[in-house]
């Protein structure tokens, strides 16, 4: 199940600034072969020695990874945290929505492929499944926001 939170909280267990968190913490951790595969798939970059990456633009460091790639690695390396996914594109959300036992923050929906078996729990409440459940929840949420003028 993926827990989705739609209201921000000022809490140390939340990662709202993925680039900063990655550069300070996740990027200083050991990167696995699975992490290297994710970097290759998301950013088309090859992980080299000393945490360098080879891209079509040349040699860089892991600090040059995209925000989406950093976000996905933050989720993988810190599953206990609630991670903001608002800077992620569909290519990264596709991976996130295929995961289990993670917690994310998003204030608005993003269209992407969602496996029908994926379960979402919104704000520690309603549980829905798949693309229809996800889209239906957001439709009701926007109706609620409109009524409350928020």
C-alpha atoms as a PDB file:
ATOM      1  CA  UNK A   1       0.000   0.000   0.000  1.00  0.00           C
ATOM      2  CA  UNK A   2       1.088   3.542  -0.752  1.00  0.00           C
ATOM      3  CA  UNK A   3       0.149   6.169   1.798  1.00  0.00           C
ATOM      4  CA  UNK A   4      -0.547   9.523   0.123  1.00  0.00           C
ATOM      5  CA  UNK A   5      -0.759  12.706   2.154  1.00  0.00           C
ATOM      6  CA  UNK A   6      -2.255  15.785   0.517  1.00  0.00           C
ATOM      7  CA  UNK A   7      -1.717  18.381   3.254  1.00  0.00           C
ATOM      8  CA  UNK A   8       1.803  19.540   4.162  1.00  0.00           C
ATOM      9  CA  UNK A   9       3.110  19.120   7.671  1.00  0.00           C
ATOM     10  CA  UNK A  10       6.225  20.584   9.207  1.00  0.00           C
ATOM     11  CA  UNK A  11       7.699  17.323  10.452  1.00  0.00           C
ATOM     12  CA  UNK A  12      11.249  15.905  10.474  1.00  0.00           C
ATOM     13  CA  UNK A  13       9.920  12.680   8.915  1.00  0.00           C
ATOM     14  CA  UNK A  14       8.906  14.574   5.783  1.00  0.00           C
ATOM     15  CA  UNK A  15      11.240  15.236   2.860  1.00  0.00           C
ATOM     16  CA  UNK A  16       9.933  18.299   1.013  1.00  0.00           C
ATOM     17  CA  UNK A  17      13.229  19.366  -0.601  1.00  0.00           C
ATOM     18  CA  UNK A  18      14.410  16.250  -2.389  1.00  0.00           C
ATOM     19  CA  UNK A  19      17.478  17.729  -4.054  1.00  0.00           C
ATOM     20  CA  UNK A  20      18.793  19.097  -0.764  1.00  0.00           C
ATOM     21  CA  UNK A  21      18.033  15.892   1.178  1.00  0.00           C
ATOM     22  CA  UNK A  22      19.683  13.783  -1.513  1.00  0.00           C
ATOM     23  CA  UNK A  23      22.772  15.989  -1.669  1.00  0.00           C
ATOM     24  CA  UNK A  24      23.159  16.001   2.136  1.00  0.00           C
ATOM     25  CA  UNK A  25      22.163  12.438   3.026  1.00  0.00           C
ATOM     26  CA  UNK A  26      21.117   9.906   0.378  1.00  0.00           C
ATOM     27  CA  UNK A  27      23.939  10.802  -1.993  1.00  0.00           C
ATOM     28  CA  UNK A  28      26.452  10.141   0.786  1.00  0.00           C
ATOM     29  CA  UNK A  29      25.174   6.602   1.334  1.00  0.00           C
ATOM     30  CA  UNK A  30      26.424   3.516  -0.481  1.00  0.00           C
ATOM     31  CA  UNK A  31      24.699   3.063  -3.847  1.00  0.00           C
ATOM     32  CA  UNK A  32      23.714  -0.461  -4.839  1.00  0.00           C
ATOM     33  CA  UNK A  33      23.526  -2.132  -8.222  1.00  0.00           C
ATOM     34  CA  UNK A  34      19.742  -1.620  -8.080  1.00  0.00           C
ATOM     35  CA  UNK A  35      20.326   2.111  -7.499  1.00  0.00           C
ATOM     36  CA  UNK A  36      22.658   2.161 -10.534  1.00  0.00           C
ATOM     37  CA  UNK A  37      19.911   0.505 -12.621  1.00  0.00           C
ATOM     38  CA  UNK A  38      17.413   3.163 -11.528  1.00  0.00           C
ATOM     39  CA  UNK A  39      19.854   5.945 -12.417  1.00  0.00           C
ATOM     40  CA  UNK A  40      20.335   4.380 -15.842  1.00  0.00           C
ATOM     41  CA  UNK A  41      16.608   3.930 -16.478  1.00  0.00           C
ATOM     42  CA  UNK A  42      15.414   7.320 -15.198  1.00  0.00           C
ATOM     43  CA  UNK A  43      18.271   9.613 -16.246  1.00  0.00           C
ATOM     44  CA  UNK A  44      19.988   7.491 -18.909  1.00  0.00           C
ATOM     45  CA  UNK A  45      23.195   7.898 -16.911  1.00  0.00           C
ATOM     46  CA  UNK A  46      25.785   5.309 -16.003  1.00  0.00           C
ATOM     47  CA  UNK A  47      27.057   5.258 -12.420  1.00  0.00           C
ATOM     48  CA  UNK A  48      30.856   5.304 -12.358  1.00  0.00           C
ATOM     49  CA  UNK A  49      33.503   5.144  -9.620  1.00  0.00           C
ATOM     50  CA  UNK A  50      33.482   7.771  -6.871  1.00  0.00           C
ATOM     51  CA  UNK A  51      29.782   8.477  -7.458  1.00  0.00           C
ATOM     52  CA  UNK A  52      30.317  10.037 -10.835  1.00  0.00           C
ATOM     53  CA  UNK A  53      27.810   9.629 -13.649  1.00  0.00           C
ATOM     54  CA  UNK A  54      28.335   9.456 -17.370  1.00  0.00           C
ATOM     55  CA  UNK A  55      25.534  11.107 -19.336  1.00  0.00           C
ATOM     56  CA  UNK A  56      25.092  12.011 -22.981  1.00  0.00           C
ATOM     57  CA  UNK A  57      26.283  15.484 -21.933  1.00  0.00           C
ATOM     58  CA  UNK A  58      29.495  14.246 -20.358  1.00  0.00           C
ATOM     59  CA  UNK A  59      30.862  13.290 -16.956  1.00  0.00           C
ATOM     60  CA  UNK A  60      29.206  14.654 -13.816  1.00  0.00           C
ATOM     61  CA  UNK A  61      28.483  13.710 -10.234  1.00  0.00           C
ATOM     62  CA  UNK A  62      25.370  12.234  -8.681  1.00  0.00           C
ATOM     63  CA  UNK A  63      24.443  15.775  -7.654  1.00  0.00           C
ATOM     64  CA  UNK A  64      23.656  16.279 -11.363  1.00  0.00           C
ATOM     65  CA  UNK A  65      20.880  13.658 -11.334  1.00  0.00           C
ATOM     66  CA  UNK A  66      17.374  14.887 -12.073  1.00  0.00           C
ATOM     67  CA  UNK A  67      15.069  15.834  -9.198  1.00  0.00           C
ATOM     68  CA  UNK A  68      12.832  12.909 -10.096  1.00  0.00           C
ATOM     69  CA  UNK A  69      15.686  10.416  -9.925  1.00  0.00           C
ATOM     70  CA  UNK A  70      16.831  11.870  -6.594  1.00  0.00           C
ATOM     71  CA  UNK A  71      13.267  11.647  -5.277  1.00  0.00           C
ATOM     72  CA  UNK A  72      12.962   7.976  -6.235  1.00  0.00           C
ATOM     73  CA  UNK A  73      16.306   7.175  -4.587  1.00  0.00           C
ATOM     74  CA  UNK A  74      15.227   9.089  -1.451  1.00  0.00           C
ATOM     75  CA  UNK A  75      12.079   6.920  -1.277  1.00  0.00           C
ATOM     76  CA  UNK A  76      14.041   3.700  -1.756  1.00  0.00           C
ATOM     77  CA  UNK A  77      16.752   4.584   0.760  1.00  0.00           C
ATOM     78  CA  UNK A  78      14.398   6.147   3.345  1.00  0.00           C
ATOM     79  CA  UNK A  79      11.056   4.280   3.201  1.00  0.00           C
ATOM     80  CA  UNK A  80      10.173   5.504   6.709  1.00  0.00           C
ATOM     81  CA  UNK A  81      10.018   9.122   5.460  1.00  0.00           C
ATOM     82  CA  UNK A  82       7.119  10.870   3.760  1.00  0.00           C
ATOM     83  CA  UNK A  83       8.590  12.122   0.486  1.00  0.00           C
ATOM     84  CA  UNK A  84       7.226  14.927  -1.697  1.00  0.00           C
ATOM     85  CA  UNK A  85       6.755  13.673  -5.272  1.00  0.00           C
ATOM     86  CA  UNK A  86       5.512  16.911  -6.836  1.00  0.00           C
ATOM     87  CA  UNK A  87       8.622  17.370  -8.988  1.00  0.00           C
ATOM     88  CA  UNK A  88       8.368  13.874 -10.460  1.00  0.00           C
ATOM     89  CA  UNK A  89       7.307  13.271 -14.008  1.00  0.00           C
ATOM     90  CA  UNK A  90       5.276  10.294 -15.236  1.00  0.00           C
ATOM     91  CA  UNK A  91       8.459   8.269 -15.873  1.00  0.00           C
ATOM     92  CA  UNK A  92       9.328   8.363 -12.150  1.00  0.00           C
ATOM     93  CA  UNK A  93       5.753   8.161 -10.835  1.00  0.00           C
ATOM     94  CA  UNK A  94       5.329   4.946 -12.823  1.00  0.00           C
ATOM     95  CA  UNK A  95       8.060   3.417 -10.621  1.00  0.00           C
ATOM     96  CA  UNK A  96       6.737   4.969  -7.417  1.00  0.00           C
ATOM     97  CA  UNK A  97       3.192   3.714  -8.035  1.00  0.00           C
ATOM     98  CA  UNK A  98       4.536   0.182  -8.538  1.00  0.00           C
ATOM     99  CA  UNK A  99       6.152   0.215  -5.072  1.00  0.00           C
ATOM    100  CA  UNK A 100       4.677  -0.924  -1.769  1.00  0.00           C
ATOM    101  CA  UNK A 101       4.891   0.256   1.842  1.00  0.00           C
ATOM    102  CA  UNK A 102       5.926   3.819   1.044  1.00  0.00           C
ATOM    103  CA  UNK A 103       4.628   7.233   2.065  1.00  0.00           C
ATOM    104  CA  UNK A 104       4.427  10.194  -0.284  1.00  0.00           C
ATOM    105  CA  UNK A 105       3.112  13.757  -0.347  1.00  0.00           C
ATOM    106  CA  UNK A 106       1.288  15.243  -3.323  1.00  0.00           C
ATOM    107  CA  UNK A 107      -1.169  18.137  -3.326  1.00  0.00           C
ATOM    108  CA  UNK A 108      -2.504  17.420  -6.800  1.00  0.00           C
ATOM    109  CA  UNK A 109      -2.820  14.357  -9.021  1.00  0.00           C
ATOM    110  CA  UNK A 110      -0.481  13.491 -11.832  1.00  0.00           C
ATOM    111  CA  UNK A 111      -1.537  11.311 -14.723  1.00  0.00           C
ATOM    112  CA  UNK A 112       0.584   8.222 -15.195  1.00  0.00           C
ATOM    113  CA  UNK A 113       0.216   4.473 -15.559  1.00  0.00           C
ATOM    114  CA  UNK A 114      -1.001   2.899 -12.326  1.00  0.00           C
ATOM    115  CA  UNK A 115      -1.115  -0.869 -11.879  1.00  0.00           C
ATOM    116  CA  UNK A 116      -4.650  -2.006 -10.974  1.00  0.00           C
ATOM    117  CA  UNK A 117      -3.316  -3.943  -7.978  1.00  0.00           C
ATOM    118  CA  UNK A 118      -1.792  -0.800  -6.431  1.00  0.00           C
ATOM    119  CA  UNK A 119      -3.553   0.280  -3.262  1.00  0.00           C
ATOM    120  CA  UNK A 120      -3.515   3.855  -2.001  1.00  0.00           C
ATOM    121  CA  UNK A 121      -4.506   5.145   1.422  1.00  0.00           C
ATOM    122  CA  UNK A 122      -5.226   8.874   1.371  1.00  0.00           C
ATOM    123  CA  UNK A 123      -4.484  10.915   4.512  1.00  0.00           C
ATOM    124  CA  UNK A 124      -4.667   7.819   6.760  1.00  0.00           C
ATOM    125  CA  UNK A 125      -8.286   7.315   5.679  1.00  0.00           C
ATOM    126  CA  UNK A 126      -9.917   6.059   2.509  1.00  0.00           C
ATOM    127  CA  UNK A 127      -8.274   3.153   0.668  1.00  0.00           C
ATOM    128  CA  UNK A 128      -8.655   2.866  -3.105  1.00  0.00           C
ATOM    129  CA  UNK A 129      -7.152   0.608  -5.780  1.00  0.00           C
ATOM    130  CA  UNK A 130      -5.720   1.176  -9.222  1.00  0.00           C
ATOM    131  CA  UNK A 131      -6.133   4.008 -11.651  1.00  0.00           C
ATOM    132  CA  UNK A 132      -9.926   4.245 -11.270  1.00  0.00           C
ATOM    133  CA  UNK A 133      -9.691   4.485  -7.493  1.00  0.00           C
ATOM    134  CA  UNK A 134      -6.866   7.048  -7.636  1.00  0.00           C
ATOM    135  CA  UNK A 135      -8.641   9.251 -10.184  1.00  0.00           C
ATOM    136  CA  UNK A 136     -11.984   8.916  -8.397  1.00  0.00           C
ATOM    137  CA  UNK A 137     -10.472   9.976  -5.069  1.00  0.00           C
ATOM    138  CA  UNK A 138      -8.902  13.057  -6.650  1.00  0.00           C
ATOM    139  CA  UNK A 139     -12.189  13.977  -8.378  1.00  0.00           C
ATOM    140  CA  UNK A 140     -13.981  13.899  -5.025  1.00  0.00           C
ATOM    141  CA  UNK A 141     -11.134  15.850  -3.418  1.00  0.00           C
ATOM    142  CA  UNK A 142     -11.385  18.625  -6.001  1.00  0.00           C
ATOM    143  CA  UNK A 143     -15.148  18.793  -5.473  1.00  0.00           C
ATOM    144  CA  UNK A 144     -14.530  19.100  -1.712  1.00  0.00           C
ATOM    145  CA  UNK A 145     -11.927  21.832  -2.238  1.00  0.00           C
ATOM    146  CA  UNK A 146     -14.287  23.731  -4.523  1.00  0.00           C
ATOM    147  CA  UNK A 147     -17.096  23.628  -1.935  1.00  0.00           C
ATOM    148  CA  UNK A 148     -14.721  24.862   0.774  1.00  0.00           C
ATOM    149  CA  UNK A 149     -13.139  27.385  -1.603  1.00  0.00           C
ATOM    150  CA  UNK A 150      -9.599  26.145  -0.909  1.00  0.00           C
END
